Amino acid sequence: MDFRNHPCVTTTRGKRVWDGFAFDLEYKESQEAIRHLISGDYRAPSRQLASPTSPPMSSLAHWG
């Protein structure tokens, strides 16, 4: 695995407070960071997934 790009994110909004949630700002910033990472890194034409090296699970199961 190659972890070239990775954002630090907040995955919860936190407890409810009188005007929203405790971590609303951090949560919204995290959403933007993830969208930017996905649209910038994984849509690049040079980025390709490797072919699987193990056989599919269906070929491992022998019913009979």
Protein backbone atom coordinates (compact mmCIF):
# COMPACT_ATOMS: atom_id res chain seq x y z
CA MET A 1 0.00 0.00 0.00
CA ASP A 2 1.13 3.49 -0.81
CA PHE A 3 -0.10 6.23 1.52
CA ARG A 4 1.09 9.30 -0.37
CA ASN A 5 -1.85 11.49 0.55
CA HIS A 6 -3.89 11.24 3.71
CA PRO A 7 -5.90 13.87 5.56
CA CYS A 8 -6.45 14.05 9.29
CA VAL A 9 -10.22 13.98 9.73
CA THR A 10 -12.94 14.35 12.34
CA THR A 11 -15.55 11.63 11.80
CA THR A 12 -18.11 12.74 14.36
CA ARG A 13 -19.92 16.00 14.94
CA GLY A 14 -19.68 15.56 18.69
CA LYS A 15 -22.31 16.31 21.27
CA ARG A 16 -25.22 18.58 20.49
CA VAL A 17 -24.74 22.12 21.75
CA TRP A 18 -27.21 24.98 21.68
CA ASP A 19 -26.32 26.13 18.12
CA GLY A 20 -25.38 22.83 16.46
CA PHE A 21 -22.74 20.29 17.39
CA ALA A 22 -19.44 20.56 19.25
CA PHE A 23 -17.25 19.69 16.25
CA ASP A 24 -19.34 21.04 13.37
CA LEU A 25 -16.53 23.16 11.92
CA GLU A 26 -13.97 20.34 12.11
CA TYR A 27 -16.46 17.89 10.62
CA LYS A 28 -17.20 20.19 7.66
CA GLU A 29 -13.48 20.79 7.08
CA SER A 30 -12.95 17.02 7.11
CA GLN A 31 -15.66 16.50 4.50
CA GLU A 32 -13.93 19.00 2.23
CA ALA A 33 -10.51 17.38 2.80
CA ILE A 34 -11.85 13.94 1.88
CA ARG A 35 -13.61 15.26 -1.23
CA HIS A 36 -10.44 17.02 -2.31
CA LEU A 37 -8.35 13.90 -1.73
CA ILE A 38 -10.73 11.67 -3.70
CA SER A 39 -11.23 14.05 -6.60
CA GLY A 40 -7.55 14.94 -6.85
CA ASP A 41 -5.77 11.69 -6.13
CA TYR A 42 -8.02 8.85 -7.22
CA ARG A 43 -9.22 10.40 -10.45
CA ALA A 44 -5.69 10.87 -11.72
CA PRO A 45 -5.09 8.70 -14.81
CA SER A 46 -1.77 7.41 -13.46
CA ARG A 47 -3.50 5.85 -10.46
CA GLN A 48 -4.49 2.24 -11.13
CA LEU A 49 -5.44 -0.57 -8.82
CA ALA A 50 -3.28 -3.67 -8.88
CA SER A 51 -4.74 -6.91 -10.16
CA PRO A 52 -5.62 -9.39 -7.43
CA THR A 53 -3.01 -12.09 -6.93
CA SER A 54 -5.16 -14.61 -5.08
CA PRO A 55 -7.88 -16.70 -6.72
CA PRO A 56 -11.51 -15.68 -6.18
CA MET A 57 -13.25 -17.22 -3.18
CA SER A 58 -15.58 -19.21 -5.45
CA SER A 59 -12.65 -21.24 -6.77
CA LEU A 60 -11.58 -22.10 -3.21
CA ALA A 61 -14.90 -23.61 -2.14
CA HIS A 62 -15.57 -27.16 -3.31
CA TRP A 63 -19.16 -28.26 -2.88
CA GLY A 64 -19.90 -31.72 -3.36
